[in-house]
Amino acid sequence: MQSRSIELVSLKEQLVLIADLIKDANDEIKTHNDIVANFNAEKSDLIQSIWKYIIEEFRTDIAKYLSDKGGLETRITALQTQLTAKLTILH
């Protein structure tokens, strides 16, 4: 009768690799779940960041617009005052 040769192979390395893959997958899942759980906060932060960028990018244009608007409002008020004064004289 012939004997068979059996080779024992250590599964330790494979188990470590599998455990690492599971850990990495669980980390990714946790990150995703945190984003989903904080969706409204993340959305609010994104909107705030976008507005901050727009304001910074167009700061000069906004300042000019507000200055021009203030000047026009002052002129309109002056014209209304003049018109009221002339109408009062005519009546």
C-alpha atoms as a PDB file:
ATOM      1  CA  MET A   1       0.000   0.000   0.000  1.00  0.00           C
ATOM      2  CA  GLN A   2       1.297   3.434  -0.930  1.00  0.00           C
ATOM      3  CA  SER A   3       1.080   6.361   1.406  1.00  0.00           C
ATOM      4  CA  ARG A   4      -0.157   9.707   0.325  1.00  0.00           C
ATOM      5  CA  SER A   5       1.679  12.887   0.881  1.00  0.00           C
ATOM      6  CA  ILE A   6      -0.361  15.728   2.351  1.00  0.00           C
ATOM      7  CA  GLU A   7       0.847  19.303   2.316  1.00  0.00           C
ATOM      8  CA  LEU A   8      -0.482  21.638   4.949  1.00  0.00           C
ATOM      9  CA  VAL A   9      -0.837  25.226   3.852  1.00  0.00           C
ATOM     10  CA  SER A  10      -1.145  28.065   6.308  1.00  0.00           C
ATOM     11  CA  LEU A  11      -4.261  30.107   5.820  1.00  0.00           C
ATOM     12  CA  LYS A  12      -3.053  32.857   8.117  1.00  0.00           C
ATOM     13  CA  GLU A  13      -1.974  35.191   5.290  1.00  0.00           C
ATOM     14  CA  GLN A  14      -5.232  34.702   3.407  1.00  0.00           C
ATOM     15  CA  LEU A  15      -7.253  35.285   6.581  1.00  0.00           C
ATOM     16  CA  VAL A  16      -5.314  38.489   7.297  1.00  0.00           C
ATOM     17  CA  LEU A  17      -5.940  39.729   3.735  1.00  0.00           C
ATOM     18  CA  ILE A  18      -9.641  38.901   3.981  1.00  0.00           C
ATOM     19  CA  ALA A  19      -9.863  40.623   7.375  1.00  0.00           C
ATOM     20  CA  ASP A  20      -8.171  43.727   5.892  1.00  0.00           C
ATOM     21  CA  LEU A  21     -10.597  43.762   2.964  1.00  0.00           C
ATOM     22  CA  ILE A  22     -13.555  43.485   5.329  1.00  0.00           C
ATOM     23  CA  LYS A  23     -12.173  46.299   7.508  1.00  0.00           C
ATOM     24  CA  ASP A  24     -11.638  48.549   4.461  1.00  0.00           C
ATOM     25  CA  ALA A  25     -15.152  47.806   3.196  1.00  0.00           C
ATOM     26  CA  ASN A  26     -16.623  48.556   6.626  1.00  0.00           C
ATOM     27  CA  ASP A  27     -14.698  51.858   6.770  1.00  0.00           C
ATOM     28  CA  GLU A  28     -16.086  52.836   3.361  1.00  0.00           C
ATOM     29  CA  ILE A  29     -19.599  51.880   4.437  1.00  0.00           C
ATOM     30  CA  LYS A  30     -19.264  53.951   7.622  1.00  0.00           C
ATOM     31  CA  THR A  31     -18.049  56.966   5.650  1.00  0.00           C
ATOM     32  CA  HIS A  32     -20.986  56.640   3.255  1.00  0.00           C
ATOM     33  CA  ASN A  33     -23.468  56.171   6.100  1.00  0.00           C
ATOM     34  CA  ASP A  34     -22.095  59.246   7.874  1.00  0.00           C
ATOM     35  CA  ILE A  35     -22.624  61.311   4.718  1.00  0.00           C
ATOM     36  CA  VAL A  36     -26.157  59.980   4.300  1.00  0.00           C
ATOM     37  CA  ALA A  37     -26.956  60.517   7.985  1.00  0.00           C
ATOM     38  CA  ASN A  38     -25.651  64.088   7.799  1.00  0.00           C
ATOM     39  CA  PHE A  39     -27.087  64.877   4.377  1.00  0.00           C
ATOM     40  CA  ASN A  40     -28.862  68.065   5.447  1.00  0.00           C
ATOM     41  CA  ALA A  41     -25.800  69.369   7.265  1.00  0.00           C
ATOM     42  CA  GLU A  42     -23.587  68.489   4.291  1.00  0.00           C
ATOM     43  CA  LYS A  43     -26.038  70.168   1.902  1.00  0.00           C
ATOM     44  CA  SER A  44     -26.160  73.291   4.064  1.00  0.00           C
ATOM     45  CA  ASP A  45     -22.354  73.412   4.244  1.00  0.00           C
ATOM     46  CA  LEU A  46     -22.120  73.060   0.476  1.00  0.00           C
ATOM     47  CA  ILE A  47     -24.635  75.860  -0.147  1.00  0.00           C
ATOM     48  CA  GLN A  48     -22.803  78.106   2.324  1.00  0.00           C
ATOM     49  CA  SER A  49     -19.474  77.376   0.617  1.00  0.00           C
ATOM     50  CA  ILE A  50     -20.928  78.161  -2.807  1.00  0.00           C
ATOM     51  CA  TRP A  51     -22.362  81.506  -1.638  1.00  0.00           C
ATOM     52  CA  LYS A  52     -19.051  82.382   0.043  1.00  0.00           C
ATOM     53  CA  TYR A  53     -17.236  81.652  -3.216  1.00  0.00           C
ATOM     54  CA  ILE A  54     -19.703  83.745  -5.253  1.00  0.00           C
ATOM     55  CA  ILE A  55     -19.467  86.678  -2.835  1.00  0.00           C
ATOM     56  CA  GLU A  56     -15.671  86.590  -2.814  1.00  0.00           C
ATOM     57  CA  GLU A  57     -15.490  86.203  -6.586  1.00  0.00           C
ATOM     58  CA  PHE A  58     -17.862  89.135  -7.254  1.00  0.00           C
ATOM     59  CA  ARG A  59     -17.077  91.343  -4.230  1.00  0.00           C
ATOM     60  CA  THR A  60     -16.014  94.311  -6.397  1.00  0.00           C
ATOM     61  CA  ASP A  61     -19.078  94.019  -8.659  1.00  0.00           C
ATOM     62  CA  ILE A  62     -21.411  93.777  -5.656  1.00  0.00           C
ATOM     63  CA  ALA A  63     -19.821  96.837  -4.012  1.00  0.00           C
ATOM     64  CA  LYS A  64     -20.169  98.853  -7.243  1.00  0.00           C
ATOM     65  CA  TYR A  65     -23.788  97.751  -7.639  1.00  0.00           C
ATOM     66  CA  LEU A  66     -24.640  98.763  -4.063  1.00  0.00           C
ATOM     67  CA  SER A  67     -22.880 102.105  -4.500  1.00  0.00           C
ATOM     68  CA  ASP A  68     -24.671 102.806  -7.801  1.00  0.00           C
ATOM     69  CA  LYS A  69     -27.991 101.757  -6.272  1.00  0.00           C
ATOM     70  CA  GLY A  70     -27.483 104.098  -3.314  1.00  0.00           C
ATOM     71  CA  GLY A  71     -26.653 106.966  -5.662  1.00  0.00           C
ATOM     72  CA  LEU A  72     -29.749 106.316  -7.779  1.00  0.00           C
ATOM     73  CA  GLU A  73     -31.981 106.135  -4.716  1.00  0.00           C
ATOM     74  CA  THR A  74     -30.577 109.465  -3.506  1.00  0.00           C
ATOM     75  CA  ARG A  75     -31.247 111.075  -6.903  1.00  0.00           C
ATOM     76  CA  ILE A  76     -34.771 109.648  -7.033  1.00  0.00           C
ATOM     77  CA  THR A  77     -35.521 111.066  -3.576  1.00  0.00           C
ATOM     78  CA  ALA A  78     -34.142 114.467  -4.636  1.00  0.00           C
ATOM     79  CA  LEU A  79     -36.274 114.458  -7.808  1.00  0.00           C
ATOM     80  CA  GLN A  80     -39.382 113.502  -5.816  1.00  0.00           C
ATOM     81  CA  THR A  81     -38.696 116.363  -3.397  1.00  0.00           C
ATOM     82  CA  GLN A  82     -38.270 118.822  -6.271  1.00  0.00           C
ATOM     83  CA  LEU A  83     -41.443 117.549  -7.954  1.00  0.00           C
ATOM     84  CA  THR A  84     -43.434 117.862  -4.730  1.00  0.00           C
ATOM     85  CA  ALA A  85     -42.129 121.405  -4.214  1.00  0.00           C
ATOM     86  CA  LYS A  86     -43.063 122.468  -7.771  1.00  0.00           C
ATOM     87  CA  LEU A  87     -46.506 120.882  -7.498  1.00  0.00           C
ATOM     88  CA  THR A  88     -47.068 122.703  -4.219  1.00  0.00           C
ATOM     89  CA  ILE A  89     -46.171 126.042  -5.852  1.00  0.00           C
ATOM     90  CA  LEU A  90     -48.519 125.398  -8.785  1.00  0.00           C
ATOM     91  CA  HIS A  91     -51.493 124.619  -6.559  1.00  0.00           C
END
